[in-house]
PDB file of all heavy atoms in Angstrom:
ATOM      1  N   GLU A   1       0.764  -1.226  -0.042  1.00  0.00           N
ATOM      2  CA  GLU A   1       0.055   0.046  -0.028  1.00  0.00           C
ATOM      3  C   GLU A   1       0.823   1.291   0.025  1.00  0.00           C
ATOM      4  O   GLU A   1       0.616   2.192  -0.735  1.00  0.00           O
ATOM      5  CB  GLU A   1      -1.012  -0.068   1.244  1.00  0.00           C
ATOM      6  CG  GLU A   1      -1.791   1.160   1.266  1.00  0.00           C
ATOM      7  CD  GLU A   1      -2.797   1.094   2.505  1.00  0.00           C
ATOM      8  OE1 GLU A   1      -2.944  -0.049   3.035  1.00  0.00           O
ATOM      9  OE2 GLU A   1      -3.502   2.161   2.686  1.00  0.00           O
ATOM     10  N   GLU A   2       1.855   1.267   0.872  1.00  0.00           N
ATOM     11  CA  GLU A   2       2.868   2.371   0.929  1.00  0.00           C
ATOM     12  C   GLU A   2       3.592   2.673  -0.424  1.00  0.00           C
ATOM     13  O   GLU A   2       3.705   3.682  -0.886  1.00  0.00           O
ATOM     14  CB  GLU A   2       3.737   2.112   2.031  1.00  0.00           C
ATOM     15  CG  GLU A   2       4.819   3.149   2.306  1.00  0.00           C
ATOM     16  CD  GLU A   2       5.909   2.845   3.270  1.00  0.00           C
ATOM     17  OE1 GLU A   2       6.132   1.685   3.508  1.00  0.00           O
ATOM     18  OE2 GLU A   2       6.595   3.764   3.679  1.00  0.00           O
ATOM     19  N   LEU A   3       3.974   1.469  -1.081  1.00  0.00           N
ATOM     20  CA  LEU A   3       4.664   1.475  -2.295  1.00  0.00           C
ATOM     21  C   LEU A   3       3.860   2.115  -3.437  1.00  0.00           C
ATOM     22  O   LEU A   3       4.293   3.031  -4.206  1.00  0.00           O
ATOM     23  CB  LEU A   3       5.140   0.090  -2.705  1.00  0.00           C
ATOM     24  CG  LEU A   3       5.826  -0.038  -4.005  1.00  0.00           C
ATOM     25  CD1 LEU A   3       7.138   0.662  -4.005  1.00  0.00           C
ATOM     26  CD2 LEU A   3       6.131  -1.534  -4.281  1.00  0.00           C
ATOM     27  N   VAL A   4       2.549   1.740  -3.506  1.00  0.00           N
ATOM     28  CA  VAL A   4       1.671   2.306  -4.528  1.00  0.00           C
ATOM     29  C   VAL A   4       1.580   3.792  -4.340  1.00  0.00           C
ATOM     30  O   VAL A   4       1.552   4.513  -5.216  1.00  0.00           O
ATOM     31  CB  VAL A   4       0.374   1.431  -4.520  1.00  0.00           C
ATOM     32  CG1 VAL A   4      -0.607   2.261  -5.524  1.00  0.00           C
ATOM     33  CG2 VAL A   4       0.542   0.139  -4.981  1.00  0.00           C
ATOM     34  N   GLU A   5       1.488   4.127  -3.067  1.00  0.00           N
ATOM     35  CA  GLU A   5       1.349   5.642  -2.752  1.00  0.00           C
ATOM     36  C   GLU A   5       2.460   6.378  -3.230  1.00  0.00           C
ATOM     37  O   GLU A   5       2.394   7.552  -3.895  1.00  0.00           O
ATOM     38  CB  GLU A   5       1.103   5.769  -1.229  1.00  0.00           C
ATOM     39  CG  GLU A   5       0.748   7.309  -0.942  1.00  0.00           C
ATOM     40  CD  GLU A   5       0.555   7.573   0.614  1.00  0.00           C
ATOM     41  OE1 GLU A   5       0.736   6.472   1.311  1.00  0.00           O
ATOM     42  OE2 GLU A   5       0.228   8.686   1.021  1.00  0.00           O
ATOM     43  N   HIS A   6       3.710   5.879  -2.894  1.00  0.00           N
ATOM     44  CA  HIS A   6       4.899   6.512  -3.380  1.00  0.00           C
ATOM     45  C   HIS A   6       5.010   6.758  -4.938  1.00  0.00           C
ATOM     46  O   HIS A   6       5.291   7.675  -5.492  1.00  0.00           O
ATOM     47  CB  HIS A   6       6.188   5.717  -2.890  1.00  0.00           C
ATOM     48  CG  HIS A   6       6.583   6.062  -1.462  1.00  0.00           C
ATOM     49  ND1 HIS A   6       7.461   7.128  -1.264  1.00  0.00           N
ATOM     50  CD2 HIS A   6       6.376   5.527  -0.331  1.00  0.00           C
ATOM     51  CE1 HIS A   6       7.652   7.142   0.123  1.00  0.00           C
ATOM     52  NE2 HIS A   6       6.957   6.191   0.601  1.00  0.00           N
ATOM     53  N   VAL A   7       4.719   5.508  -5.672  1.00  0.00           N
ATOM     54  CA  VAL A   7       4.887   5.549  -7.128  1.00  0.00           C
ATOM     55  C   VAL A   7       3.852   6.468  -7.680  1.00  0.00           C
ATOM     56  O   VAL A   7       4.246   7.265  -8.620  1.00  0.00           O
ATOM     57  CB  VAL A   7       4.572   4.093  -7.628  1.00  0.00           C
ATOM     58  CG1 VAL A   7       4.434   4.021  -9.115  1.00  0.00           C
ATOM     59  CG2 VAL A   7       5.825   3.178  -7.194  1.00  0.00           C
ATOM     60  N   ALA A   8       2.640   6.355  -7.291  1.00  0.00           N
ATOM     61  CA  ALA A   8       1.528   7.237  -7.781  1.00  0.00           C
ATOM     62  C   ALA A   8       1.746   8.666  -7.531  1.00  0.00           C
ATOM     63  O   ALA A   8       1.557   9.560  -8.394  1.00  0.00           O
ATOM     64  CB  ALA A   8       0.223   6.797  -7.192  1.00  0.00           C
ATOM     65  N   SER A   9       2.301   9.062  -6.426  1.00  0.00           N
ATOM     66  CA  SER A   9       2.419  10.389  -6.006  1.00  0.00           C
ATOM     67  C   SER A   9       3.602  10.989  -6.846  1.00  0.00           C
ATOM     68  O   SER A   9       3.509  12.150  -7.331  1.00  0.00           O
ATOM     69  CB  SER A   9       2.789  10.517  -4.476  1.00  0.00           C
ATOM     70  OG  SER A   9       1.704  10.156  -3.708  1.00  0.00           O
ATOM     71  N   SER A  10       4.678  10.305  -7.083  1.00  0.00           N
ATOM     72  CA  SER A  10       5.875  10.693  -7.812  1.00  0.00           C
ATOM     73  C   SER A  10       5.239  10.876  -9.232  1.00  0.00           C
ATOM     74  O   SER A  10       5.636  11.991  -9.903  1.00  0.00           O
ATOM     75  CB  SER A  10       6.899   9.755  -7.853  1.00  0.00           C
ATOM     76  OG  SER A  10       7.954  10.075  -8.763  1.00  0.00           O
ATOM     77  N   LEU A  11       4.581   9.941  -9.825  1.00  0.00           N
ATOM     78  CA  LEU A  11       4.029  10.183 -11.266  1.00  0.00           C
ATOM     79  C   LEU A  11       3.129  11.316 -11.429  1.00  0.00           C
ATOM     80  O   LEU A  11       3.278  12.177 -12.362  1.00  0.00           O
ATOM     81  CB  LEU A  11       3.466   8.852 -11.702  1.00  0.00           C
ATOM     82  CG  LEU A  11       4.325   7.493 -11.826  1.00  0.00           C
ATOM     83  CD1 LEU A  11       3.461   6.392 -12.091  1.00  0.00           C
ATOM     84  CD2 LEU A  11       5.320   7.854 -12.874  1.00  0.00           C
ATOM     85  N   ARG A  12       2.280  11.454 -10.405  1.00  0.00           N
ATOM     86  CA  ARG A  12       1.364  12.587 -10.521  1.00  0.00           C
ATOM     87  C   ARG A  12       2.138  13.925 -10.415  1.00  0.00           C
ATOM     88  O   ARG A  12       1.757  15.018 -11.077  1.00  0.00           O
ATOM     89  CB  ARG A  12       0.428  12.546  -9.300  1.00  0.00           C
ATOM     90  CG  ARG A  12      -0.760  11.506  -9.447  1.00  0.00           C
ATOM     91  CD  ARG A  12      -1.853  11.793  -8.485  1.00  0.00           C
ATOM     92  NE  ARG A  12      -2.695  10.645  -8.416  1.00  0.00           N
ATOM     93  CZ  ARG A  12      -2.595   9.579  -7.558  1.00  0.00           C
ATOM     94  NH1 ARG A  12      -1.716   9.694  -6.449  1.00  0.00           N
ATOM     95  NH2 ARG A  12      -3.442   8.578  -7.527  1.00  0.00           N
ATOM     96  N   ALA A  13       3.288  13.961  -9.713  1.00  0.00           N
ATOM     97  CA  ALA A  13       4.085  15.120  -9.618  1.00  0.00           C
ATOM     98  C   ALA A  13       4.899  15.326 -10.871  1.00  0.00           C
ATOM     99  O   ALA A  13       5.596  16.408 -10.929  1.00  0.00           O
ATOM    100  CB  ALA A  13       5.067  15.200  -8.418  1.00  0.00           C
ATOM    101  N   GLY A  14       4.941  14.351 -11.762  1.00  0.00           N
ATOM    102  CA  GLY A  14       5.660  14.500 -12.943  1.00  0.00           C
ATOM    103  C   GLY A  14       7.044  14.051 -12.990  1.00  0.00           C
ATOM    104  O   GLY A  14       7.924  14.393 -13.890  1.00  0.00           O
ATOM    105  N   TYR A  15       7.367  13.210 -11.991  1.00  0.00           N
ATOM    106  CA  TYR A  15       8.759  12.651 -11.806  1.00  0.00           C
ATOM    107  C   TYR A  15       8.780  11.155 -12.189  1.00  0.00           C
ATOM    108  O   TYR A  15       7.833  10.408 -11.734  1.00  0.00           O
ATOM    109  CB  TYR A  15       9.131  12.945 -10.387  1.00  0.00           C
ATOM    110  CG  TYR A  15       9.446  14.288 -10.070  1.00  0.00           C
ATOM    111  CD1 TYR A  15       8.670  14.973  -9.086  1.00  0.00           C
ATOM    112  CD2 TYR A  15      10.409  14.997 -10.670  1.00  0.00           C
ATOM    113  CE1 TYR A  15       8.778  16.306  -8.811  1.00  0.00           C
ATOM    114  CE2 TYR A  15      10.520  16.421 -10.374  1.00  0.00           C
ATOM    115  CZ  TYR A  15       9.712  16.968  -9.440  1.00  0.00           C
ATOM    116  OH  TYR A  15       9.889  18.367  -9.160  1.00  0.00           O
ATOM    117  N   GLY A  16       9.813  10.706 -12.879  1.00  0.00           N
ATOM    118  CA  GLY A  16      10.031   9.322 -13.170  1.00  0.00           C
ATOM    119  C   GLY A  16      10.411   8.587 -11.903  1.00  0.00           C
ATOM    120  O   GLY A  16      10.926   9.095 -10.970  1.00  0.00           O
ATOM    121  N   VAL A  17      10.159   7.307 -11.920  1.00  0.00           N
ATOM    122  CA  VAL A  17      10.505   6.400 -10.735  1.00  0.00           C
ATOM    123  C   VAL A  17      11.441   5.379 -11.224  1.00  0.00           C
ATOM    124  O   VAL A  17      11.303   4.665 -12.104  1.00  0.00           O
ATOM    125  CB  VAL A  17       9.157   5.747 -10.177  1.00  0.00           C
ATOM    126  CG1 VAL A  17       9.458   4.933  -8.918  1.00  0.00           C
ATOM    127  CG2 VAL A  17       8.075   6.762  -9.978  1.00  0.00           C
ATOM    128  N   HIS A  18      12.428   5.260 -10.315  1.00  0.00           N
ATOM    129  CA  HIS A  18      13.533   4.250 -10.616  1.00  0.00           C
ATOM    130  C   HIS A  18      13.818   3.437  -9.389  1.00  0.00           C
ATOM    131  O   HIS A  18      14.108   4.009  -8.349  1.00  0.00           O
ATOM    132  CB  HIS A  18      14.890   5.145 -10.885  1.00  0.00           C
ATOM    133  CG  HIS A  18      16.032   4.412 -11.377  1.00  0.00           C
ATOM    134  ND1 HIS A  18      16.425   4.584 -12.721  1.00  0.00           N
ATOM    135  CD2 HIS A  18      16.838   3.558 -10.922  1.00  0.00           C
ATOM    136  CE1 HIS A  18      17.553   3.739 -12.918  1.00  0.00           C
ATOM    137  NE2 HIS A  18      17.785   3.129 -11.847  1.00  0.00           N
ATOM    138  N   VAL A  19      13.632   2.139  -9.548  1.00  0.00           N
ATOM    139  CA  VAL A  19      13.593   1.246  -8.341  1.00  0.00           C
ATOM    140  C   VAL A  19      14.558   0.191  -8.332  1.00  0.00           C
ATOM    141  O   VAL A  19      14.728  -0.581  -9.313  1.00  0.00           O
ATOM    142  CB  VAL A  19      12.124   0.630  -8.259  1.00  0.00           C
ATOM    143  CG1 VAL A  19      11.994  -0.189  -6.890  1.00  0.00           C
ATOM    144  CG2 VAL A  19      11.123   1.840  -8.304  1.00  0.00           C
ATOM    145  N   HIS A  20      15.382   0.093  -7.268  1.00  0.00           N
ATOM    146  CA  HIS A  20      16.340  -1.014  -7.044  1.00  0.00           C
ATOM    147  C   HIS A  20      15.541  -2.302  -6.667  1.00  0.00           C
ATOM    148  O   HIS A  20      14.724  -2.251  -5.658  1.00  0.00           O
ATOM    149  CB  HIS A  20      17.238  -0.572  -5.930  1.00  0.00           C
ATOM    150  CG  HIS A  20      18.076  -1.792  -5.394  1.00  0.00           C
ATOM    151  ND1 HIS A  20      19.395  -1.883  -5.547  1.00  0.00           N
ATOM    152  CD2 HIS A  20      17.820  -2.870  -4.594  1.00  0.00           C
ATOM    153  CE1 HIS A  20      19.881  -2.906  -4.966  1.00  0.00           C
ATOM    154  NE2 HIS A  20      18.864  -3.561  -4.389  1.00  0.00           N
ATOM    155  N   SER A  21      15.723  -3.305  -7.356  1.00  0.00           N
ATOM    156  CA  SER A  21      15.068  -4.563  -7.093  1.00  0.00           C
ATOM    157  C   SER A  21      15.924  -5.751  -7.389  1.00  0.00           C
ATOM    158  O   SER A  21      16.334  -6.009  -8.626  1.00  0.00           O
ATOM    159  CB  SER A  21      13.680  -4.773  -8.013  1.00  0.00           C
ATOM    160  OG  SER A  21      13.148  -5.981  -7.854  1.00  0.00           O
ATOM    161  N   ILE A  22      16.223  -6.585  -6.386  1.00  0.00           N
ATOM    162  CA  ILE A  22      17.105  -7.772  -6.514  1.00  0.00           C
ATOM    163  C   ILE A  22      16.434  -9.071  -6.408  1.00  0.00           C
ATOM    164  O   ILE A  22      16.443  -9.893  -7.279  1.00  0.00           O
ATOM    165  CB  ILE A  22      18.229  -7.720  -5.483  1.00  0.00           C
ATOM    166  CG1 ILE A  22      19.174  -6.471  -5.777  1.00  0.00           C
ATOM    167  CG2 ILE A  22      19.042  -8.999  -5.548  1.00  0.00           C
ATOM    168  CD1 ILE A  22      20.035  -6.550  -7.028  1.00  0.00           C
ATOM    169  N   GLY A  23      15.657  -9.212  -5.351  1.00  0.00           N
ATOM    170  CA  GLY A  23      14.908 -10.516  -5.084  1.00  0.00           C
ATOM    171  C   GLY A  23      13.576 -10.553  -5.778  1.00  0.00           C
ATOM    172  O   GLY A  23      13.034  -9.603  -6.222  1.00  0.00           O
ATOM    173  N   ASP A  24      12.964 -11.877  -5.745  1.00  0.00           N
ATOM    174  CA  ASP A  24      11.854 -11.989  -6.596  1.00  0.00           C
ATOM    175  C   ASP A  24      10.520 -11.341  -5.968  1.00  0.00           C
ATOM    176  O   ASP A  24       9.697 -10.854  -6.630  1.00  0.00           O
ATOM    177  CB  ASP A  24      11.594 -13.470  -6.815  1.00  0.00           C
ATOM    178  CG  ASP A  24      11.493 -14.288  -5.512  1.00  0.00           C
ATOM    179  OD1 ASP A  24      11.641 -13.743  -4.469  1.00  0.00           O
ATOM    180  OD2 ASP A  24      11.259 -15.542  -5.657  1.00  0.00           O
ATOM    181  N   LYS A  25      10.631 -11.338  -4.556  1.00  0.00           N
ATOM    182  CA  LYS A  25       9.433 -10.615  -3.887  1.00  0.00           C
ATOM    183  C   LYS A  25       9.502  -8.994  -4.190  1.00  0.00           C
ATOM    184  O   LYS A  25       8.540  -8.355  -4.288  1.00  0.00           O
ATOM    185  CB  LYS A  25       9.397 -10.944  -2.389  1.00  0.00           C
ATOM    186  CG  LYS A  25       8.004 -10.462  -1.769  1.00  0.00           C
ATOM    187  CD  LYS A  25       7.843 -11.087  -0.426  1.00  0.00           C
ATOM    188  CE  LYS A  25       6.505 -10.791   0.170  1.00  0.00           C
ATOM    189  NZ  LYS A  25       6.349 -11.353   1.510  1.00  0.00           N
ATOM    190  N   ALA A  26      10.817  -8.480  -4.197  1.00  0.00           N
ATOM    191  CA  ALA A  26      11.031  -7.159  -4.462  1.00  0.00           C
ATOM    192  C   ALA A  26      10.392  -6.809  -5.846  1.00  0.00           C
ATOM    193  O   ALA A  26       9.691  -5.793  -6.165  1.00  0.00           O
ATOM    194  CB  ALA A  26      12.401  -6.689  -4.318  1.00  0.00           C
ATOM    195  N   GLN A  27      10.726  -7.722  -6.865  1.00  0.00           N
ATOM    196  CA  GLN A  27      10.387  -7.344  -8.137  1.00  0.00           C
ATOM    197  C   GLN A  27       8.836  -7.502  -8.258  1.00  0.00           C
ATOM    198  O   GLN A  27       8.131  -6.787  -8.946  1.00  0.00           O
ATOM    199  CB  GLN A  27      11.055  -8.403  -9.175  1.00  0.00           C
ATOM    200  CG  GLN A  27      10.625  -8.009 -10.595  1.00  0.00           C
ATOM    201  CD  GLN A  27      11.093  -8.988 -11.614  1.00  0.00           C
ATOM    202  OE1 GLN A  27      10.657 -10.278 -11.593  1.00  0.00           O
ATOM    203  NE2 GLN A  27      11.951  -8.726 -12.512  1.00  0.00           N
ATOM    204  N   GLN A  28       8.248  -8.509  -7.598  1.00  0.00           N
ATOM    205  CA  GLN A  28       6.881  -8.712  -7.651  1.00  0.00           C
ATOM    206  C   GLN A  28       6.084  -7.536  -7.128  1.00  0.00           C
ATOM    207  O   GLN A  28       5.106  -7.059  -7.741  1.00  0.00           O
ATOM    208  CB  GLN A  28       6.528  -9.990  -6.783  1.00  0.00           C
ATOM    209  CG  GLN A  28       4.948 -10.296  -6.651  1.00  0.00           C
ATOM    210  CD  GLN A  28       4.690 -11.502  -5.684  1.00  0.00           C
ATOM    211  OE1 GLN A  28       4.891 -11.362  -4.514  1.00  0.00           O
ATOM    212  NE2 GLN A  28       4.438 -12.674  -6.155  1.00  0.00           N
ATOM    213  N   TYR A  29       6.471  -6.878  -6.053  1.00  0.00           N
ATOM    214  CA  TYR A  29       5.890  -5.793  -5.468  1.00  0.00           C
ATOM    215  C   TYR A  29       5.934  -4.588  -6.448  1.00  0.00           C
ATOM    216  O   TYR A  29       4.876  -3.834  -6.598  1.00  0.00           O
ATOM    217  CB  TYR A  29       6.593  -5.410  -4.160  1.00  0.00           C
ATOM    218  CG  TYR A  29       5.947  -5.996  -2.888  1.00  0.00           C
ATOM    219  CD1 TYR A  29       5.535  -7.448  -2.891  1.00  0.00           C
ATOM    220  CD2 TYR A  29       5.779  -5.363  -1.736  1.00  0.00           C
ATOM    221  CE1 TYR A  29       5.065  -8.043  -1.720  1.00  0.00           C
ATOM    222  CE2 TYR A  29       5.218  -5.927  -0.589  1.00  0.00           C
ATOM    223  CZ  TYR A  29       4.855  -7.324  -0.645  1.00  0.00           C
ATOM    224  OH  TYR A  29       4.364  -7.893   0.502  1.00  0.00           O
ATOM    225  N   ILE A  30       7.108  -4.319  -6.932  1.00  0.00           N
ATOM    226  CA  ILE A  30       7.226  -3.035  -7.762  1.00  0.00           C
ATOM    227  C   ILE A  30       6.572  -3.242  -9.022  1.00  0.00           C
ATOM    228  O   ILE A  30       5.957  -2.262  -9.650  1.00  0.00           O
ATOM    229  CB  ILE A  30       8.677  -2.684  -7.868  1.00  0.00           C
ATOM    230  CG1 ILE A  30       8.705  -1.216  -8.514  1.00  0.00           C
ATOM    231  CG2 ILE A  30       9.521  -3.636  -8.677  1.00  0.00           C
ATOM    232  CD1 ILE A  30       7.940  -0.168  -7.847  1.00  0.00           C
ATOM    233  N   LEU A  31       6.544  -4.513  -9.691  1.00  0.00           N
ATOM    234  CA  LEU A  31       5.750  -4.648 -10.839  1.00  0.00           C
ATOM    235  C   LEU A  31       4.207  -4.382 -10.678  1.00  0.00           C
ATOM    236  O   LEU A  31       3.603  -3.824 -11.442  1.00  0.00           O
ATOM    237  CB  LEU A  31       6.030  -6.133 -11.402  1.00  0.00           C
ATOM    238  CG  LEU A  31       7.280  -6.399 -12.134  1.00  0.00           C
ATOM    239  CD1 LEU A  31       7.484  -7.879 -12.393  1.00  0.00           C
ATOM    240  CD2 LEU A  31       7.311  -5.618 -13.481  1.00  0.00           C
ATOM    241  N   ASP A  32       3.774  -4.943  -9.555  1.00  0.00           N
ATOM    242  CA  ASP A  32       2.359  -4.862  -9.218  1.00  0.00           C
ATOM    243  C   ASP A  32       2.042  -3.339  -8.950  1.00  0.00           C
ATOM    244  O   ASP A  32       0.978  -2.824  -9.210  1.00  0.00           O
ATOM    245  CB  ASP A  32       2.014  -5.710  -8.075  1.00  0.00           C
ATOM    246  CG  ASP A  32       1.989  -7.111  -8.423  1.00  0.00           C
ATOM    247  OD1 ASP A  32       2.037  -7.432  -9.542  1.00  0.00           O
ATOM    248  OD2 ASP A  32       1.834  -8.011  -7.475  1.00  0.00           O
ATOM    249  N   ALA A  33       2.991  -2.608  -8.322  1.00  0.00           N
ATOM    250  CA  ALA A  33       2.743  -1.171  -7.945  1.00  0.00           C
ATOM    251  C   ALA A  33       2.758  -0.370  -9.396  1.00  0.00           C
ATOM    252  O   ALA A  33       1.848   0.522  -9.371  1.00  0.00           O
ATOM    253  CB  ALA A  33       3.743  -0.639  -7.003  1.00  0.00           C
ATOM    254  N   PHE A  34       3.605  -0.712 -10.189  1.00  0.00           N
ATOM    255  CA  PHE A  34       3.717   0.036 -11.462  1.00  0.00           C
ATOM    256  C   PHE A  34       2.369  -0.300 -12.152  1.00  0.00           C
ATOM    257  O   PHE A  34       1.831   0.655 -12.921  1.00  0.00           O
ATOM    258  CB  PHE A  34       4.840  -0.401 -12.256  1.00  0.00           C
ATOM    259  CG  PHE A  34       6.068   0.295 -11.926  1.00  0.00           C
ATOM    260  CD1 PHE A  34       7.356  -0.282 -12.004  1.00  0.00           C
ATOM    261  CD2 PHE A  34       6.081   1.678 -11.529  1.00  0.00           C
ATOM    262  CE1 PHE A  34       8.452   0.391 -11.668  1.00  0.00           C
ATOM    263  CE2 PHE A  34       7.260   2.426 -11.326  1.00  0.00           C
ATOM    264  CZ  PHE A  34       8.497   1.694 -11.326  1.00  0.00           C
ATOM    265  N   TYR A  35       1.900  -1.505 -12.129  1.00  0.00           N
ATOM    266  CA  TYR A  35       0.513  -1.753 -12.889  1.00  0.00           C
ATOM    267  C   TYR A  35      -0.533  -1.036 -12.296  1.00  0.00           C
ATOM    268  O   TYR A  35      -1.460  -0.520 -12.967  1.00  0.00           O
ATOM    269  CB  TYR A  35       0.345  -3.263 -12.805  1.00  0.00           C
ATOM    270  CG  TYR A  35      -0.849  -3.689 -13.711  1.00  0.00           C
ATOM    271  CD1 TYR A  35      -0.699  -3.872 -15.046  1.00  0.00           C
ATOM    272  CD2 TYR A  35      -2.074  -3.929 -13.136  1.00  0.00           C
ATOM    273  CE1 TYR A  35      -1.764  -4.177 -15.967  1.00  0.00           C
ATOM    274  CE2 TYR A  35      -3.197  -4.305 -13.931  1.00  0.00           C
ATOM    275  CZ  TYR A  35      -2.919  -4.304 -15.316  1.00  0.00           C
ATOM    276  OH  TYR A  35      -4.001  -4.617 -16.138  1.00  0.00           O
ATOM    277  N   ALA A  36      -0.551  -0.915 -10.900  1.00  0.00           N
ATOM    278  CA  ALA A  36      -1.602  -0.187 -10.283  1.00  0.00           C
ATOM    279  C   ALA A  36      -1.661   1.207 -10.764  1.00  0.00           C
ATOM    280  O   ALA A  36      -2.656   1.952 -10.676  1.00  0.00           O
ATOM    281  CB  ALA A  36      -1.499  -0.296  -8.814  1.00  0.00           C
ATOM    282  N   ALA A  37      -0.370   1.808 -11.090  1.00  0.00           N
ATOM    283  CA  ALA A  37      -0.354   3.248 -11.332  1.00  0.00           C
ATOM    284  C   ALA A  37      -0.148   3.375 -12.909  1.00  0.00           C
ATOM    285  O   ALA A  37       0.274   4.460 -13.344  1.00  0.00           O
ATOM    286  CB  ALA A  37       0.812   3.872 -10.640  1.00  0.00           C
ATOM    287  N   LYS A  38      -0.443   2.450 -13.658  1.00  0.00           N
ATOM    288  CA  LYS A  38      -0.220   2.512 -15.118  1.00  0.00           C
ATOM    289  C   LYS A  38      -0.832   3.611 -15.892  1.00  0.00           C
ATOM    290  O   LYS A  38      -0.310   4.018 -16.907  1.00  0.00           O
ATOM    291  CB  LYS A  38      -0.463   1.120 -15.777  1.00  0.00           C
ATOM    292  CG  LYS A  38      -1.924   0.754 -15.711  1.00  0.00           C
ATOM    293  CD  LYS A  38      -2.102  -0.659 -16.355  1.00  0.00           C
ATOM    294  CE  LYS A  38      -3.617  -1.167 -16.226  1.00  0.00           C
ATOM    295  NZ  LYS A  38      -4.484  -0.207 -17.019  1.00  0.00           N
ATOM    296  N   ASP A  39      -1.906   4.079 -15.467  1.00  0.00           N
ATOM    297  CA  ASP A  39      -2.609   5.167 -16.137  1.00  0.00           C
ATOM    298  C   ASP A  39      -2.251   6.581 -15.701  1.00  0.00           C
ATOM    299  O   ASP A  39      -2.802   7.593 -16.141  1.00  0.00           O
ATOM    300  CB  ASP A  39      -4.155   4.845 -16.002  1.00  0.00           C
ATOM    301  CG  ASP A  39      -4.615   3.638 -16.704  1.00  0.00           C
ATOM    302  OD1 ASP A  39      -4.054   3.215 -17.644  1.00  0.00           O
ATOM    303  OD2 ASP A  39      -5.568   2.978 -16.057  1.00  0.00           O
TER     304      ASP A  39
END
C-alpha cells in the first residue's frame, strides 16, 4: 500500500520512478505497484 502511494505520487508530480530490485518478492511488489499506477 505504501509503495503504490509513493509511485503514484511521484508520477502525478511529473517525476520518473527508478527502483532497485534484486529479489523476486521485491520485483513482484514493484511490478504490481507500477501496474496499479499504469494510467
